């Protein structure tokens, strides 16, 4: 069967081959008549395929069908081993027992050669937000370590292990930090963040999702483009002649947003504001996920028929 995941350069997606090739060696090929649907909000995306689908810890991202696909009505081609969280299981009408957590928790059982230190605060944006401004510059001005979700997984993991705690807009920044037992603080800077996904995972680990809210900030070129696009949609008119002034005012305002966002981040970036799942909950979810791995191993012959 084929390991199905989003092939974009994004940390959470790239965990799929790292984890599942380790736990299920020689299980995957390019025969896509059967799909192993792993880490990510993939259930809506694969619903359009007639292939048989084995879902292992994937989830929904309800409310964003254009990006993540629709919530499937027909589940006859699916077999659910486990899903990311209770919101996914409820939305699909599945047994609550199938809602364990995100499959990235399996990193904790891989005995990775990582050494923990507590050197820096780390800052990790969502992959969809990196295009809007220089997040590394933001981190440097705060005196923090920047982690790009587009870096190679090993590099991200090593940076995480140097962290006192992680301020993250990327959901898998939080999931993997929690897996490595590193405290984390969620934030939202743009509408690219899907709150359903976050709540789904947080609920699976008995945690609340209460992100720090930043004001959207854009570099000059994007600010100008957004204003001109909005004017075109409104028909232009007299505003067309005012566009240079509007752009200048917006760019000036963005400078204040930059400083305001820094003040917010500095004010919340304290260990007392960071969270991490309870040890008992974490070990329960990890144990249950490992049991599901064994189920797949023991039932692969049935699945391959």
Foldseek 3Di string as FASTA:
>chain_A
DAEDFDPDLFQQRVVRCVQCCQLPPPLHDPPVLEYEDAFEQAQQVCLVPQHQYEYAAHFHLPPCCVPRHHDDPDCPSYDYLAYAFDVRCVVNVHDRVRHQHHPLLLVLVPPDPEAAAAAFEEEEEAQVQCQFDPVCVLQVVLVGHYDYRSDDNVVNVNNLRHHQEYEYQHLVVCVVCLSVVHWYAYADQDPVRRVSNNQRRQVSLVHDDDHHYAYHAGPLVVLLVVLVVVCVVVPNPPVVVVSVVVSVVVNVVNVVSSVVRSVSCVVQPDPVNTDHGDPVSSVVSNVSSVVSSVVCVVCVVVVVD
